[in-house]
Structure formats: structure tokens, C-alpha cells
Amino acid sequence: MHKLGYSTAAGDEGGFAPSLKSNEEALDLLVQAIEKAGFKPGKDVALALDVAASEFFEGGAYRFNKSDKSVKSSSEMVELYRRWASRYPIISIEDGLGEEDWTGWKELTAALGDKLQLVGD
């Protein structure tokens, strides 16, 4: 990350907290780090995400106020996770949707529940 010009200071829970261009860039960097360490993504190392979606679920929508300012529906979030799960070695998604988004959780479970672990918050 230092070679790419990103801050390598520790975040509030001890991890790196650089200001990246997108969530996908974070996932790409993780996969690159796995490979640079000599491991195979999805075989030797997998990813588990804690999305914290309950924190940005407002008025029935997901509001990305801290990044690109987009607003996504539950279905759009499910599609986002479906794309990520097909592209990255993700085995678990925690807090992928809001705590009260029961319709969204039903859709997410139908889409990915047999492919990876889904964890509520």
C-alpha cells in the first residue's frame, strides 16, 4: 500500500484505513496482497466482510454518504454482493443489510445463502 502512495497508519480497530477510490479497490488490493504473499486467493486464503450496512441504512435505502454518495435499494445491494462473490474469494458477509430490512435479507439469502455464510448483526 505504501508503494501505491496510500497511508499505512492503523485504523481504530488496528487495521489499515487508507482512503481508497472504491470498495472494489479495497478487495482488489486484498487479493493482490494474498498473491504477493505467495498464497492462492480462494484456496489458501478467503475473505470475510463485515459491511456494517446497518450503519448506513436510512429510510429504507442504503446511503453511501462517506464514499460516492450513491443510494442503493436492497436489491441493488444484493446484486453488488452477488458481483463481488463471483469476482472475489468471499466466504462470509456480516451485516450485509440493515437489521430491519427483512425483505432484503430474504432476497440476499435466496441469492447467496447457499454459496457463502451470511451473518446478521
Protein backbone atom coordinates (compact mmCIF):
# COMPACT_ATOMS: atom_id res chain seq x y z
CA MET A 1 0.00 0.00 0.00
CA HIS A 2 2.90 2.27 0.74
CA LYS A 3 4.24 1.73 -2.81
CA LEU A 4 0.85 2.87 -4.16
CA GLY A 5 1.03 6.06 -2.11
CA TYR A 6 -1.61 5.11 0.46
CA SER A 7 -1.41 5.79 4.17
CA THR A 8 -0.38 2.75 6.17
CA ALA A 9 -1.42 4.20 9.53
CA ALA A 10 -3.53 1.91 11.70
CA GLY A 11 -7.29 2.49 11.90
CA ASP A 12 -9.46 2.43 15.01
CA GLU A 13 -9.50 -1.38 15.24
CA GLY A 14 -5.84 -1.86 14.34
CA GLY A 15 -6.22 -2.36 10.58
CA PHE A 16 -5.17 -0.13 7.73
CA ALA A 17 -7.62 2.63 6.93
CA PRO A 18 -6.45 4.27 3.69
CA SER A 19 -8.73 6.46 1.66
CA LEU A 20 -9.33 4.27 -1.39
CA LYS A 21 -11.19 5.06 -4.61
CA SER A 22 -13.82 2.36 -4.10
CA ASN A 23 -14.79 -0.74 -2.18
CA GLU A 24 -13.71 -2.78 -5.18
CA GLU A 25 -10.24 -1.27 -4.98
CA ALA A 26 -10.01 -2.50 -1.38
CA LEU A 27 -10.98 -6.01 -2.49
CA ASP A 28 -8.52 -5.88 -5.40
CA LEU A 29 -5.71 -4.83 -3.04
CA LEU A 30 -6.54 -7.66 -0.65
CA VAL A 31 -6.36 -10.20 -3.48
CA GLN A 32 -3.06 -8.70 -4.65
CA ALA A 33 -1.67 -8.91 -1.10
CA ILE A 34 -2.70 -12.58 -0.85
CA GLU A 35 -0.93 -13.32 -4.13
CA LYS A 36 2.18 -11.30 -3.21
CA ALA A 37 2.42 -13.32 -0.01
CA GLY A 38 2.59 -16.47 -2.14
CA PHE A 39 -0.91 -17.73 -1.47
CA LYS A 40 -3.78 -18.56 -3.80
CA PRO A 41 -6.95 -16.49 -3.26
CA GLY A 42 -9.89 -18.76 -2.58
CA LYS A 43 -7.70 -21.78 -1.97
CA ASP A 44 -5.26 -20.74 0.74
CA VAL A 45 -6.91 -17.52 1.88
CA ALA A 46 -10.50 -16.31 1.68
CA LEU A 47 -12.23 -13.06 2.59
CA ALA A 48 -14.90 -12.38 5.20
CA LEU A 49 -16.56 -8.98 5.05
CA ASP A 50 -18.26 -7.03 7.83
CA VAL A 51 -20.11 -4.50 5.73
CA ALA A 52 -21.78 -2.68 8.66
CA ALA A 53 -24.78 -1.94 6.41
CA SER A 54 -26.98 -1.23 9.43
CA GLU A 55 -24.88 1.92 9.90
CA PHE A 56 -25.86 3.38 6.52
CA PHE A 57 -29.40 2.03 6.14
CA GLU A 58 -31.65 5.10 6.31
CA GLY A 59 -35.25 5.48 5.24
CA GLY A 60 -35.38 2.10 3.53
CA ALA A 61 -32.26 2.69 1.41
CA TYR A 62 -28.51 2.32 1.69
CA ARG A 63 -26.85 5.73 1.61
CA PHE A 64 -23.12 5.81 0.88
CA ASN A 65 -22.55 9.24 2.44
CA LYS A 66 -18.88 8.57 3.22
CA SER A 67 -17.88 7.43 -0.26
CA ASP A 68 -19.54 8.03 -3.63
CA LYS A 69 -22.81 9.49 -2.20
CA SER A 70 -24.87 6.86 -4.06
CA VAL A 71 -28.14 5.46 -2.75
CA LYS A 72 -28.91 1.79 -3.29
CA SER A 73 -32.01 -0.31 -2.79
CA SER A 74 -31.91 -3.69 -1.07
CA SER A 75 -31.99 -5.38 -4.48
CA GLU A 76 -29.06 -3.28 -5.67
CA MET A 77 -27.08 -4.25 -2.56
CA VAL A 78 -27.84 -7.91 -3.21
CA GLU A 79 -26.64 -7.54 -6.81
CA LEU A 80 -23.47 -5.79 -5.60
CA TYR A 81 -22.71 -8.69 -3.25
CA ARG A 82 -23.51 -11.20 -5.99
CA ARG A 83 -20.94 -9.49 -8.28
CA TRP A 84 -18.35 -9.37 -5.51
CA ALA A 85 -18.90 -13.03 -4.61
CA SER A 86 -18.38 -14.03 -8.25
CA ARG A 87 -15.19 -11.98 -8.57
CA TYR A 88 -13.51 -12.28 -5.15
CA PRO A 89 -12.89 -15.21 -2.77
CA ILE A 90 -15.57 -14.14 -0.29
CA ILE A 91 -16.80 -16.82 2.09
CA SER A 92 -18.77 -14.68 4.56
CA ILE A 93 -20.71 -11.41 4.64
CA GLU A 94 -21.67 -9.99 8.03
CA ASP A 95 -24.20 -7.18 8.43
CA GLY A 96 -24.73 -7.09 4.68
CA LEU A 97 -28.12 -5.42 5.04
CA GLY A 98 -29.89 -3.35 7.66
CA GLU A 99 -31.10 -5.07 10.82
CA GLU A 100 -34.73 -4.31 9.95
CA ASP A 101 -34.50 -4.96 6.19
CA TRP A 102 -36.30 -8.32 6.35
CA THR A 103 -37.33 -8.30 2.68
CA GLY A 104 -33.73 -7.58 1.67
CA TRP A 105 -32.40 -10.37 3.90
CA LYS A 106 -34.83 -12.80 2.31
CA GLU A 107 -33.57 -11.77 -1.15
CA LEU A 108 -29.92 -11.93 -0.07
CA THR A 109 -30.39 -15.38 1.43
CA ALA A 110 -32.05 -16.63 -1.75
CA ALA A 111 -29.24 -15.20 -3.88
CA LEU A 112 -26.17 -16.16 -1.83
CA GLY A 113 -27.23 -18.24 1.16
CA ASP A 114 -26.08 -21.49 -0.43
CA LYS A 115 -22.79 -20.01 -1.69
CA LEU A 116 -21.37 -18.27 1.39
CA GLN A 117 -22.04 -17.58 5.04
CA LEU A 118 -24.45 -14.74 5.81
CA VAL A 119 -24.30 -13.25 9.30
CA GLY A 120 -26.76 -10.78 10.82
CA ASP A 121 -25.70 -8.09 13.23
